[in-house]
Amino acid sequence: MKTPSRLHFGIVDMRGDLGRIHVSVGVAIKKPNIILEAKKSDKLKIFGPRAERIKEYAEKIMRYMGIQEGLEFNLISDIPEHAGFGSGTQLALAVGTSISKIFNLNLNSEEIAFLLNRSRRSGVGVHAFKSGGFIVDCGHRADNPYHVPPLLFRSDVPEDWMFIVGLPKIKTGLSGVNEMEAFKKLEPPSEKLVGEVSRTVLVQMIPAIIDRDIKLFGEAMTRLDSSFGSYWEKIQGGRYTHPIIEKGVNFLLEQGVYGAGQSSWGPAFYGLIKGEDQAIKLEKELYDFLNIGERRGTAFYTGADNQGSSITTIQN
């Protein structure tokens, strides 16, 4: 099976005083991918990277569903962990969906995410896996955070909208327990700030994707990314998790991208550009920027993934 990854543009509401909390915005992208092979075996066998994580996920699903048979997993391609691409959720869903398919369990993505303790904050990764595209979720019910946030809005992204992505070689972003502890340190944002962010998504970003207005959409991306900048300073140490990310975002904006920002906790950052020719040119420029002096990093471009995950069944 093959999964997309995702860029996380931001969270809308961390107050929770209207009954729902978080509300996340993001997009599925075509690469990097997880490609996971799975088949029945005499026992549980795992090959490739992240074997312990795959084992943990597989055993939990199989134990819950009462499966006694063995399976063999081979992780052919992976998404970098704790980099802003949502690799944990994509791997969990790939493992769970493979098991469901092989044993005809009919588990859906939300059930798998719940069983494997994913999407405790954002539902973008689950909805990216299911159907791809540009995604806005509903957030969690404030009194019941233990479910996948339902989908509020989804749209295909035009094929010629490209995301140029920078990945500096620096300390990776927050996740898991560290992420939860970080959120505990924060006071709820002001109603004014949440109102401004909500208007950015509702009045600018969603209409822009409907109208295929890349300029307006890019402006909303940048505004959404920067609105909470000062709010995150308490746990990030700045508007971004590392100075090179801020420099990278500014570099992309100076090169003329329509919008730019940091994906989740980083270190991945992104810019929106139109057309593959422009993306190829900017990819090289961003790579050079990330490898000046002692700096190191990679850059790539990718289109949005408007399909979500896919399964290829091979008959023996």
Protein backbone atom coordinates (compact mmCIF):
# COMPACT_ATOMS: atom_id res chain seq x y z
CA MET A 1 0.00 0.00 0.00
CA LYS A 2 1.06 3.57 -0.69
CA THR A 3 0.25 6.66 1.39
CA PRO A 4 0.62 10.40 0.84
CA SER A 5 2.19 12.67 3.44
CA ARG A 6 0.82 16.01 4.55
CA LEU A 7 1.75 19.62 5.18
CA HIS A 8 0.08 21.06 8.27
CA PHE A 9 -0.79 24.72 7.78
CA GLY A 10 -2.04 25.44 11.27
CA ILE A 11 -4.57 25.10 14.08
CA VAL A 12 -7.52 27.47 14.21
CA ASP A 13 -8.92 27.41 17.76
CA MET A 14 -7.19 26.26 20.94
CA ARG A 15 -9.70 27.88 23.26
CA GLY A 16 -12.40 25.22 23.24
CA ASP A 17 -14.96 27.55 24.79
CA LEU A 18 -17.50 27.02 21.99
CA GLY A 19 -17.52 23.25 22.42
CA ARG A 20 -14.83 22.23 19.92
CA ILE A 21 -11.07 22.61 20.07
CA HIS A 22 -8.19 22.73 17.60
CA VAL A 23 -9.70 22.63 14.05
CA SER A 24 -6.77 21.92 11.74
CA VAL A 25 -5.91 22.93 8.18
CA GLY A 26 -3.51 21.21 5.79
CA VAL A 27 -2.94 19.49 2.48
CA ALA A 28 -1.98 16.01 1.33
CA ILE A 29 1.15 15.91 -0.85
CA LYS A 30 2.43 13.30 -3.29
CA LYS A 31 5.80 12.81 -1.63
CA PRO A 32 7.42 11.65 0.57
CA ASN A 33 5.48 8.37 0.73
CA ILE A 34 5.12 5.26 2.77
CA ILE A 35 5.12 2.13 0.62
CA LEU A 36 4.35 -0.91 2.76
CA GLU A 37 4.08 -4.50 1.57
CA ALA A 38 2.10 -6.95 3.69
CA LYS A 39 1.17 -10.61 3.32
CA LYS A 40 0.21 -13.60 5.44
CA SER A 41 3.04 -15.53 7.05
CA ASP A 42 3.68 -18.22 9.65
CA LYS A 43 4.51 -15.53 12.23
CA LEU A 44 4.94 -11.76 12.54
CA LYS A 45 7.94 -10.74 10.43
CA ILE A 46 9.03 -7.17 9.75
CA PHE A 47 11.66 -5.91 7.34
CA GLY A 48 12.91 -2.38 6.71
CA PRO A 49 13.00 0.74 8.89
CA ARG A 50 10.78 1.42 11.91
CA ALA A 51 10.34 -2.29 12.58
CA GLU A 52 9.53 -1.77 16.26
CA ARG A 53 6.83 0.78 15.49
CA ILE A 54 5.27 -1.49 12.86
CA LYS A 55 5.39 -4.40 15.32
CA GLU A 56 3.68 -2.28 17.98
CA TYR A 57 0.89 -1.23 15.62
CA ALA A 58 0.39 -4.69 14.13
CA GLU A 59 0.28 -6.47 17.48
CA LYS A 60 -2.20 -3.99 18.89
CA ILE A 61 -4.61 -4.35 15.95
CA MET A 62 -4.28 -8.13 15.80
CA ARG A 63 -4.73 -8.51 19.54
CA TYR A 64 -7.80 -6.29 19.53
CA MET A 65 -9.34 -8.17 16.59
CA GLY A 66 -8.38 -11.62 17.94
CA ILE A 67 -6.17 -12.53 14.98
CA GLN A 68 -3.86 -15.48 15.66
CA GLU A 69 -2.25 -15.80 12.21
CA GLY A 70 1.10 -14.31 11.22
CA LEU A 71 1.94 -11.47 8.85
CA GLU A 72 5.01 -10.26 7.02
CA PHE A 73 5.60 -6.52 6.55
CA ASN A 74 8.25 -4.89 4.39
CA LEU A 75 8.59 -1.10 4.56
CA ILE A 76 9.90 -0.22 1.10
CA SER A 77 9.69 3.58 1.38
CA ASP A 78 9.29 5.79 4.44
CA ILE A 79 8.39 9.34 5.44
CA PRO A 80 10.91 11.14 7.70
CA GLU A 81 9.81 11.02 11.33
CA HIS A 82 9.09 14.16 13.40
CA ALA A 83 9.72 16.38 10.40
CA GLY A 84 6.29 17.91 9.79
CA PHE A 85 4.94 15.33 7.32
CA GLY A 86 2.70 13.30 9.64
CA SER A 87 4.70 10.10 9.27
CA GLY A 88 3.37 8.42 12.43
CA THR A 89 -0.26 8.63 11.37
CA GLN A 90 0.47 7.47 7.82
CA LEU A 91 2.44 4.45 9.06
CA ALA A 92 -0.24 3.52 11.60
CA LEU A 93 -2.99 3.72 9.00
CA ALA A 94 -0.92 1.80 6.46
CA VAL A 95 -0.35 -1.04 8.92
CA GLY A 96 -3.93 -1.11 10.16
CA THR A 97 -5.46 -0.86 6.69
CA SER A 98 -3.21 -3.65 5.39
CA ILE A 99 -4.29 -5.95 8.21
CA SER A 100 -7.94 -5.05 7.67
CA LYS A 101 -7.66 -5.77 3.95
CA ILE A 102 -5.87 -9.11 4.37
CA PHE A 103 -8.28 -10.42 7.00
CA ASN A 104 -11.46 -8.73 5.67
CA LEU A 105 -12.02 -6.79 8.91
CA ASN A 106 -13.71 -3.75 7.30
CA LEU A 107 -11.99 -1.34 9.69
CA ASN A 108 -12.19 2.26 8.51
CA SER A 109 -9.44 4.85 8.91
CA GLU A 110 -11.08 6.53 11.90
CA GLU A 111 -11.37 3.21 13.76
CA ILE A 112 -7.73 2.37 13.07
CA ALA A 113 -6.56 5.83 14.16
CA PHE A 114 -8.55 5.51 17.39
CA LEU A 115 -7.16 2.04 18.15
CA LEU A 116 -3.59 3.18 17.50
CA ASN A 117 -3.88 6.46 19.39
CA ARG A 118 -3.46 8.75 16.40
CA SER A 119 -5.12 12.12 15.57
CA ARG A 120 -5.26 13.23 19.19
CA ARG A 121 -4.98 16.82 17.96
CA SER A 122 -5.29 17.12 14.19
CA GLY A 123 -7.42 15.09 11.79
CA VAL A 124 -5.57 16.28 8.68
CA GLY A 125 -3.40 13.15 8.49
CA VAL A 126 -6.35 10.75 8.64
CA HIS A 127 -8.32 12.66 6.02
CA ALA A 128 -5.21 13.00 3.83
CA PHE A 129 -4.87 9.21 3.99
CA LYS A 130 -8.54 8.69 3.15
CA SER A 131 -9.06 11.12 0.28
CA GLY A 132 -6.16 13.58 -0.10
CA GLY A 133 -6.66 17.18 -1.15
CA PHE A 134 -6.92 20.40 0.86
CA ILE A 135 -8.45 19.64 4.25
CA VAL A 136 -10.12 21.50 7.11
CA ASP A 137 -11.29 19.35 10.01
CA CYS A 138 -13.94 20.15 12.64
CA GLY A 139 -11.65 19.81 15.63
CA HIS A 140 -12.39 17.66 18.67
CA ARG A 141 -15.36 18.02 20.94
CA ALA A 142 -13.92 19.78 23.95
CA ASP A 143 -15.58 17.29 26.31
CA ASN A 144 -14.51 14.22 24.31
CA PRO A 145 -11.11 14.58 22.64
CA TYR A 146 -10.66 10.83 22.02
CA HIS A 147 -11.92 10.64 18.49
CA VAL A 148 -10.77 11.65 15.01
CA PRO A 149 -11.93 15.19 14.16
CA PRO A 150 -14.60 14.94 11.45
CA LEU A 151 -14.00 16.45 8.04
CA LEU A 152 -15.39 19.97 7.69
CA PHE A 153 -14.19 20.86 4.19
CA ARG A 154 -12.20 19.15 1.45
CA SER A 155 -11.24 20.22 -2.05
CA ASP A 156 -9.00 18.98 -4.83
CA VAL A 157 -5.97 21.20 -5.37
CA PRO A 158 -5.17 22.30 -8.95
CA GLU A 159 -2.57 20.08 -10.59
CA ASP A 160 -0.27 23.01 -11.43
CA TRP A 161 -0.10 24.25 -7.81
CA MET A 162 3.26 23.05 -6.53
CA PHE A 163 4.70 22.99 -3.04
CA ILE A 164 8.42 23.62 -2.70
CA VAL A 165 9.61 22.02 0.54
CA GLY A 166 12.77 22.68 2.52
CA LEU A 167 14.06 20.21 5.10
CA PRO A 168 17.05 21.59 7.03
CA LYS A 169 19.18 19.12 8.97
CA ILE A 170 18.40 20.36 12.45
CA LYS A 171 16.77 19.00 15.58
CA THR A 172 13.43 17.51 14.62
CA GLY A 173 10.02 18.80 15.69
CA LEU A 174 7.87 17.95 18.70
CA SER A 175 5.62 14.90 18.81
CA GLY A 176 3.88 12.53 21.16
CA VAL A 177 4.41 13.19 24.87
CA ASN A 178 6.67 16.17 24.21
CA GLU A 179 3.96 17.78 22.10
CA MET A 180 1.33 17.23 24.80
CA GLU A 181 3.60 18.73 27.45
CA ALA A 182 4.28 21.71 25.22
CA PHE A 183 0.57 22.43 24.81
CA LYS A 184 0.08 22.27 28.59
CA LYS A 185 2.43 25.24 28.98
CA LEU A 186 0.23 27.48 26.87
CA GLU A 187 -2.61 29.68 28.03
CA PRO A 188 -5.60 29.74 25.66
CA PRO A 189 -5.16 32.33 22.89
CA SER A 190 -7.35 35.43 22.92
CA GLU A 191 -10.79 35.44 21.32
CA LYS A 192 -9.53 38.21 19.03
CA LEU A 193 -6.65 36.10 17.72
CA VAL A 194 -8.84 33.02 17.20
CA GLY A 195 -11.42 35.18 15.45
CA GLU A 196 -8.79 36.55 13.05
CA VAL A 197 -7.49 33.06 12.26
CA SER A 198 -11.04 31.72 11.78
CA ARG A 199 -11.80 34.52 9.30
CA THR A 200 -8.59 33.75 7.41
CA VAL A 201 -9.71 30.15 6.89
CA LEU A 202 -13.43 30.74 6.35
CA VAL A 203 -13.46 34.00 4.39
CA GLN A 204 -10.16 33.78 2.52
CA MET A 205 -8.65 30.30 2.32
CA ILE A 206 -11.72 28.17 1.56
CA PRO A 207 -13.16 30.60 -1.02
CA ALA A 208 -9.71 30.87 -2.65
CA ILE A 209 -9.44 27.10 -3.22
CA ILE A 210 -13.02 27.03 -4.56
CA ASP A 211 -12.20 29.89 -6.97
CA ARG A 212 -8.78 28.42 -7.81
CA ASP A 213 -7.23 31.75 -6.79
CA ILE A 214 -3.62 30.84 -5.99
CA LYS A 215 -2.67 34.37 -4.99
CA LEU A 216 -5.42 34.67 -2.38
CA PHE A 217 -4.84 31.12 -1.17
CA GLY A 218 -1.11 31.77 -0.75
CA GLU A 219 -1.77 34.95 1.20
CA ALA A 220 -4.06 32.98 3.51
CA MET A 221 -1.39 30.30 3.96
CA THR A 222 1.15 32.88 5.08
CA ARG A 223 -1.33 34.67 7.33
CA LEU A 224 -2.47 31.41 8.96
CA ASP A 225 1.14 30.35 9.55
CA SER A 226 2.22 33.68 11.01
CA SER A 227 -0.89 34.56 13.06
CA PHE A 228 0.07 32.34 15.97
CA GLY A 229 3.79 33.17 15.70
CA SER A 230 4.03 35.14 18.93
CA TYR A 231 1.73 32.65 20.66
CA TRP A 232 4.13 29.77 19.90
CA GLU A 233 7.21 31.67 21.09
CA LYS A 234 6.80 30.37 24.64
CA ILE A 235 7.46 26.77 23.55
CA GLN A 236 9.34 27.27 20.27
CA GLY A 237 11.72 29.98 21.43
CA GLY A 238 10.65 32.11 18.49
CA ARG A 239 8.02 32.44 15.79
CA TYR A 240 9.44 29.24 14.30
CA THR A 241 11.11 26.25 15.92
CA HIS A 242 14.54 27.21 14.57
CA PRO A 243 16.05 30.40 13.06
CA ILE A 244 16.91 28.61 9.81
CA ILE A 245 13.21 27.84 9.28
CA GLU A 246 12.33 31.51 9.63
CA LYS A 247 15.13 32.41 7.22
CA GLY A 248 13.92 29.71 4.83
CA VAL A 249 10.33 30.94 4.90
CA ASN A 250 11.50 34.51 4.27
CA PHE A 251 13.79 33.30 1.49
CA LEU A 252 10.87 31.61 -0.28
CA LEU A 253 8.70 34.71 0.05
CA GLU A 254 11.53 36.84 -1.36
CA GLN A 255 11.72 34.47 -4.34
CA GLY A 256 8.10 35.16 -5.14
CA VAL A 257 6.15 32.20 -3.78
CA TYR A 258 2.46 32.90 -3.23
CA GLY A 259 2.60 31.81 0.41
CA ALA A 260 4.92 30.05 2.84
CA GLY A 261 5.12 28.59 6.33
CA GLN A 262 6.34 25.89 8.70
CA SER A 263 4.61 22.52 8.63
CA SER A 264 3.45 21.56 12.12
CA TRP A 265 6.51 21.78 14.44
CA GLY A 266 8.92 21.55 11.51
CA PRO A 267 11.65 21.30 10.52
CA ALA A 268 9.90 21.08 7.14
CA PHE A 269 8.83 24.42 5.67
CA TYR A 270 7.06 25.08 2.40
CA GLY A 271 6.14 27.58 -0.25
CA LEU A 272 3.40 27.60 -2.90
CA ILE A 273 4.35 28.14 -6.53
CA LYS A 274 2.56 27.67 -9.85
CA GLY A 275 3.89 25.40 -12.58
CA GLU A 276 6.56 22.73 -12.64
CA ASP A 277 9.14 24.87 -14.45
CA GLN A 278 9.08 27.43 -11.64
CA ALA A 279 9.16 24.65 -9.05
CA ILE A 280 12.27 23.06 -10.59
CA LYS A 281 14.07 26.40 -10.63
CA LEU A 282 13.15 27.22 -7.04
CA GLU A 283 14.04 23.74 -5.82
CA LYS A 284 17.65 24.31 -6.88
CA GLU A 285 17.73 27.80 -5.35
CA LEU A 286 16.32 26.52 -2.06
CA TYR A 287 18.78 23.64 -2.00
CA ASP A 288 21.66 26.08 -2.46
CA PHE A 289 20.23 28.29 0.31
CA LEU A 290 20.07 25.34 2.70
CA ASN A 291 23.66 24.32 2.02
CA ILE A 292 25.55 27.58 2.52
CA GLY A 293 28.62 27.29 4.75
CA GLU A 294 27.98 24.79 7.52
CA ARG A 295 24.24 24.60 6.86
CA ARG A 296 22.89 21.35 5.46
CA GLY A 297 19.49 20.38 4.15
CA THR A 298 17.44 19.04 1.28
CA ALA A 299 14.77 20.56 -0.94
CA PHE A 300 12.14 19.09 -3.22
CA TYR A 301 8.91 20.04 -4.92
CA THR A 302 5.69 18.11 -5.07
CA GLY A 303 2.10 18.50 -6.12
CA ALA A 304 -0.91 17.98 -3.90
CA ASP A 305 -2.19 14.42 -3.61
CA ASN A 306 -5.89 14.51 -4.48
CA GLN A 307 -6.44 10.75 -4.15
CA GLY A 308 -5.19 9.65 -0.75
CA SER A 309 -3.82 6.20 -0.05
CA SER A 310 -3.99 3.32 -2.51
CA ILE A 311 -3.82 -0.45 -2.21
CA THR A 312 -2.53 -2.82 -4.87
CA THR A 313 -3.58 -6.43 -4.34
CA ILE A 314 -1.35 -9.13 -5.83
CA GLN A 315 -2.92 -12.54 -6.21
CA ASN A 316 -0.66 -15.52 -5.50
